[in-house]
């Protein structure tokens, strides 16, 4: 074994003994290289029995796609959403965005990377991850883009580049969460532009929370316009509006 690799492994084990990881939820030792224990991970609101396209709950669990998605054109080749935006996940994402708790991005991004790896066992991973961009004004106000912070551990674990400047939000739209469903599509219309050097690329769009999907659809339009070949969507959590 290479001496440098051996020394790194020894150093890692010593560090783990001296400074063990502790679960951010129950505060016990996590017994792994993550500030979340396996027991608390299993209690998170993981999405199950949902539509493979929109992640809405399936009326008939044996189906893979809901009736609504069967009757409309698909903008994405694959949509992967992992949690319901409830309970602990809602607090983690809210605290990440508004309390600068970046540790939550590290934890959630690591969990997503593990699940994504399983979902792509039989197919090629995307060439590039593009986090949903914030408008420069909102980025200045917040100080960081939560989607980029989620992308960092995914990029590292799956060895996929992050396209930091491949797509730009050119309109400072109102927050989608503040609008009723019927206004959300109009709110983000023509809000994004994409770089021209993405022809024939397989892209994964990454966002923290999805509701109606209008932001991701509008972003996809801009990317398809510059020749992107395939778009997958990875979202940490899904929330729902009544009647949608």
Protein backbone atom coordinates (compact mmCIF):
# COMPACT_ATOMS: atom_id res chain seq x y z
CA UNK A 1 0.00 0.00 0.00
CA UNK A 2 1.20 3.52 -0.80
CA UNK A 3 2.72 5.08 2.34
CA UNK A 4 0.79 8.34 1.84
CA UNK A 5 -2.53 6.50 1.65
CA UNK A 6 -1.64 4.50 4.75
CA UNK A 7 -0.73 7.64 6.70
CA UNK A 8 -4.01 9.29 5.68
CA UNK A 9 -5.98 6.28 6.90
CA UNK A 10 -4.13 6.25 10.22
CA UNK A 11 -4.66 9.99 10.64
CA UNK A 12 -8.35 9.58 9.85
CA UNK A 13 -8.77 6.85 12.48
CA UNK A 14 -6.95 8.90 15.12
CA UNK A 15 -9.10 11.94 14.31
CA UNK A 16 -12.27 9.85 14.54
CA UNK A 17 -11.23 8.63 18.00
CA UNK A 18 -10.33 12.10 19.26
CA UNK A 19 -13.13 14.00 17.54
CA UNK A 20 -15.99 11.59 16.79
CA UNK A 21 -18.93 12.68 14.66
CA UNK A 22 -22.11 13.41 16.61
CA UNK A 23 -25.65 13.23 15.26
CA UNK A 24 -27.18 16.69 14.89
CA UNK A 25 -30.62 15.29 15.75
CA UNK A 26 -30.15 12.99 18.76
CA UNK A 27 -26.65 14.26 19.73
CA UNK A 28 -25.23 10.75 20.25
CA UNK A 29 -22.08 9.58 18.49
CA UNK A 30 -22.99 8.80 14.89
CA UNK A 31 -20.39 6.00 14.50
CA UNK A 32 -19.70 7.04 10.92
CA UNK A 33 -18.18 9.95 8.98
CA UNK A 34 -21.37 11.99 9.04
CA UNK A 35 -23.09 14.15 11.65
CA UNK A 36 -26.23 12.00 11.43
CA UNK A 37 -26.66 8.54 12.90
CA UNK A 38 -28.22 5.69 10.94
CA UNK A 39 -31.18 5.48 13.33
CA UNK A 40 -32.11 9.15 12.77
CA UNK A 41 -31.51 8.82 9.02
CA UNK A 42 -34.09 6.03 8.86
CA UNK A 43 -36.64 8.26 10.62
CA UNK A 44 -36.39 11.01 8.00
CA UNK A 45 -39.48 11.48 5.75
CA UNK A 46 -38.15 9.55 2.74
CA UNK A 47 -40.53 9.56 -0.24
CA UNK A 48 -41.95 6.16 -1.13
CA UNK A 49 -44.52 4.95 -3.68
CA UNK A 50 -44.37 8.11 -5.77
CA UNK A 51 -44.60 8.95 -9.46
CA UNK A 52 -41.27 8.46 -11.23
CA UNK A 53 -41.78 11.76 -13.05
CA UNK A 54 -43.32 14.26 -10.63
CA UNK A 55 -42.87 12.45 -7.28
CA UNK A 56 -46.55 12.88 -6.42
CA UNK A 57 -48.02 10.03 -4.32
CA UNK A 58 -49.32 7.18 -6.47
CA UNK A 59 -52.99 6.23 -6.09
CA UNK A 60 -52.12 2.73 -7.31
CA UNK A 61 -48.76 1.72 -5.76
CA UNK A 62 -48.03 -0.82 -8.51
CA UNK A 63 -47.88 1.97 -11.11
CA UNK A 64 -44.65 3.86 -11.75
CA UNK A 65 -46.13 7.01 -13.35
CA UNK A 66 -49.24 8.89 -12.25
CA UNK A 67 -52.16 9.53 -14.61
CA UNK A 68 -51.44 13.26 -14.85
CA UNK A 69 -47.90 12.69 -16.09
CA UNK A 70 -49.01 10.07 -18.60
CA UNK A 71 -51.12 12.75 -20.31
CA UNK A 72 -48.59 15.58 -20.57
CA UNK A 73 -45.20 15.99 -22.30
CA UNK A 74 -42.19 15.17 -20.16
CA UNK A 75 -39.57 17.89 -19.75
CA UNK A 76 -37.17 15.68 -17.81
CA UNK A 77 -35.76 12.27 -18.61
CA UNK A 78 -35.55 11.37 -14.93
CA UNK A 79 -36.80 13.09 -11.77
CA UNK A 80 -35.35 12.06 -8.43
CA UNK A 81 -36.89 13.57 -5.30
CA UNK A 82 -35.92 12.05 -1.98
CA UNK A 83 -37.87 13.57 0.90
CA UNK A 84 -41.27 14.97 1.73
CA UNK A 85 -40.91 18.63 2.76
CA UNK A 86 -42.19 17.97 6.25
CA UNK A 87 -40.94 17.50 9.78
CA UNK A 88 -37.16 17.42 10.18
CA UNK A 89 -36.37 18.00 6.50
CA UNK A 90 -38.38 21.23 6.42
CA UNK A 91 -36.49 22.54 9.44
CA UNK A 92 -33.11 21.48 8.03
CA UNK A 93 -33.67 23.20 4.69
CA UNK A 94 -35.17 26.31 6.29
CA UNK A 95 -32.26 26.61 8.72
CA UNK A 96 -29.79 26.03 5.88
CA UNK A 97 -31.26 28.86 3.82
CA UNK A 98 -32.06 31.42 6.49
CA UNK A 99 -29.81 30.54 9.45
CA UNK A 100 -26.69 29.67 7.40
CA UNK A 101 -26.58 26.13 8.84
CA UNK A 102 -24.31 24.83 6.08
CA UNK A 103 -23.76 21.57 7.97
CA UNK A 104 -27.24 20.58 6.81
CA UNK A 105 -26.18 20.93 3.16
CA UNK A 106 -23.24 18.60 3.83
CA UNK A 107 -25.48 16.01 5.48
CA UNK A 108 -28.32 16.17 2.95
CA UNK A 109 -25.94 16.25 -0.02
CA UNK A 110 -24.17 13.14 1.30
CA UNK A 111 -27.48 11.29 1.73
CA UNK A 112 -28.57 12.30 -1.78
CA UNK A 113 -25.29 11.12 -3.29
CA UNK A 114 -25.77 7.66 -1.78
CA UNK A 115 -29.31 7.36 -3.17
CA UNK A 116 -28.37 8.78 -6.59
CA UNK A 117 -25.57 6.24 -6.90
CA UNK A 118 -28.10 3.44 -6.40
CA UNK A 119 -30.58 4.93 -8.88
CA UNK A 120 -27.93 5.08 -11.61
CA UNK A 121 -26.46 1.62 -11.15
CA UNK A 122 -27.50 0.59 -14.65
CA UNK A 123 -26.98 3.85 -16.51
CA UNK A 124 -24.43 6.58 -16.97
CA UNK A 125 -24.35 9.43 -14.49
CA UNK A 126 -24.81 12.97 -15.85
CA UNK A 127 -21.82 14.89 -17.22
CA UNK A 128 -22.55 17.97 -15.16
CA UNK A 129 -24.55 19.14 -12.14
CA UNK A 130 -26.17 22.57 -12.53
CA UNK A 131 -27.59 23.94 -9.27
CA UNK A 132 -30.64 26.15 -9.76
CA UNK A 133 -29.15 29.68 -9.74
CA UNK A 134 -30.26 32.59 -7.59
CA UNK A 135 -30.56 36.07 -9.04
CA UNK A 136 -27.49 38.15 -8.19
CA UNK A 137 -29.55 40.40 -5.89
CA UNK A 138 -30.86 37.49 -3.83
CA UNK A 139 -27.42 35.85 -3.83
CA UNK A 140 -25.95 39.07 -2.42
CA UNK A 141 -28.64 39.21 0.27
CA UNK A 142 -28.27 35.57 1.34
CA UNK A 143 -24.53 35.26 0.83
CA UNK A 144 -24.66 31.79 -0.72
CA UNK A 145 -26.76 29.55 -2.95
CA UNK A 146 -28.16 26.61 -1.00
CA UNK A 147 -28.39 24.49 -4.17
CA UNK A 148 -24.64 24.92 -4.75
CA UNK A 149 -23.93 23.90 -1.15
CA UNK A 150 -26.03 20.75 -1.65
CA UNK A 151 -24.16 20.05 -4.89
CA UNK A 152 -20.67 20.09 -3.33
CA UNK A 153 -20.82 16.74 -1.47
CA UNK A 154 -22.71 15.13 -4.37
CA UNK A 155 -20.05 16.31 -6.82
CA UNK A 156 -17.25 15.02 -4.61
CA UNK A 157 -18.76 11.59 -3.95
CA UNK A 158 -19.99 10.93 -7.50
CA UNK A 159 -17.09 12.65 -9.28
CA UNK A 160 -19.33 14.93 -11.35
CA UNK A 161 -18.38 18.51 -12.15
CA UNK A 162 -20.55 21.42 -11.01
CA UNK A 163 -21.53 23.94 -13.68
CA UNK A 164 -21.44 27.06 -11.54
CA UNK A 165 -21.99 29.54 -14.37
CA UNK A 166 -23.68 27.42 -17.03
CA UNK A 167 -27.14 28.83 -16.34
CA UNK A 168 -28.04 32.30 -15.12
CA UNK A 169 -31.21 33.72 -13.57
CA UNK A 170 -31.65 37.01 -15.42
CA UNK A 171 -34.95 38.09 -13.85
CA UNK A 172 -35.24 38.69 -10.12
CA UNK A 173 -38.50 36.81 -9.73
CA UNK A 174 -40.70 36.80 -6.66
CA UNK A 175 -40.18 33.79 -4.40
CA UNK A 176 -42.26 30.91 -5.80
CA UNK A 177 -43.24 29.86 -2.27
CA UNK A 178 -45.18 33.12 -1.86
CA UNK A 179 -47.31 32.68 -4.99
CA UNK A 180 -50.45 30.64 -5.74
CA UNK A 181 -50.05 27.80 -8.22
CA UNK A 182 -51.56 29.64 -11.21
CA UNK A 183 -49.03 32.48 -10.96
CA UNK A 184 -45.91 30.36 -10.59
CA UNK A 185 -45.52 29.54 -14.28
CA UNK A 186 -45.81 33.21 -15.32
CA UNK A 187 -43.46 34.29 -12.53
CA UNK A 188 -40.46 32.35 -13.91
CA UNK A 189 -41.17 32.71 -17.65
CA UNK A 190 -37.92 33.60 -19.49
CA UNK A 191 -36.15 33.94 -16.13
CA UNK A 192 -33.11 31.87 -17.20
CA UNK A 193 -30.42 31.93 -19.88
CA UNK A 194 -27.85 29.22 -20.58
CA UNK A 195 -24.35 29.13 -22.02
CA UNK A 196 -23.87 27.96 -25.58
CA UNK A 197 -21.18 25.32 -24.86
CA UNK A 198 -23.54 22.66 -23.48
CA UNK A 199 -24.45 20.94 -26.74
CA UNK A 200 -25.11 17.19 -26.40
CA UNK A 201 -24.48 17.27 -22.65
CA UNK A 202 -26.32 15.14 -20.11
CA UNK A 203 -27.23 17.53 -17.29
CA UNK A 204 -28.56 17.07 -13.77
CA UNK A 205 -30.44 20.07 -12.38
CA UNK A 206 -30.24 20.30 -8.60
CA UNK A 207 -32.61 22.16 -6.28
CA UNK A 208 -33.55 22.07 -2.63
CA UNK A 209 -37.37 22.05 -2.80
CA UNK A 210 -39.83 21.36 -5.62
CA UNK A 211 -43.53 22.20 -5.58
CA UNK A 212 -45.11 22.66 -9.02
CA UNK A 213 -41.83 22.23 -10.94
CA UNK A 214 -42.28 25.44 -12.96
CA UNK A 215 -38.81 26.76 -12.07
CA UNK A 216 -37.15 23.55 -13.25
CA UNK A 217 -39.26 23.41 -16.41
CA UNK A 218 -38.36 26.99 -17.36
CA UNK A 219 -34.70 26.34 -16.64
CA UNK A 220 -34.88 23.21 -18.80
CA UNK A 221 -36.28 25.23 -21.72
CA UNK A 222 -33.23 27.51 -21.62
CA UNK A 223 -30.88 24.52 -21.55
CA UNK A 224 -32.63 22.63 -24.35
CA UNK A 225 -32.45 25.81 -26.46
CA UNK A 226 -28.63 25.64 -26.39
CA UNK A 227 -28.53 21.97 -27.37
CA UNK A 228 -28.48 20.04 -24.09
CA UNK A 229 -29.21 16.40 -24.92
CA UNK A 230 -30.75 15.11 -21.70
CA UNK A 231 -31.90 16.68 -18.44
CA UNK A 232 -32.40 14.84 -15.18
CA UNK A 233 -33.66 16.59 -12.05
CA UNK A 234 -32.46 15.94 -8.52
CA UNK A 235 -34.42 17.61 -5.71
CA UNK A 236 -33.87 17.19 -2.03
CA UNK A 237 -37.54 17.52 -1.08
CA UNK A 238 -41.03 17.81 -2.54
CA UNK A 239 -43.90 19.86 -1.18
CA UNK A 240 -47.43 20.01 -2.55
CA UNK A 241 -50.04 22.66 -3.23
CA UNK A 242 -53.68 21.79 -2.80
CA UNK A 243 -55.20 20.75 -6.09
CA UNK A 244 -51.88 20.31 -7.92
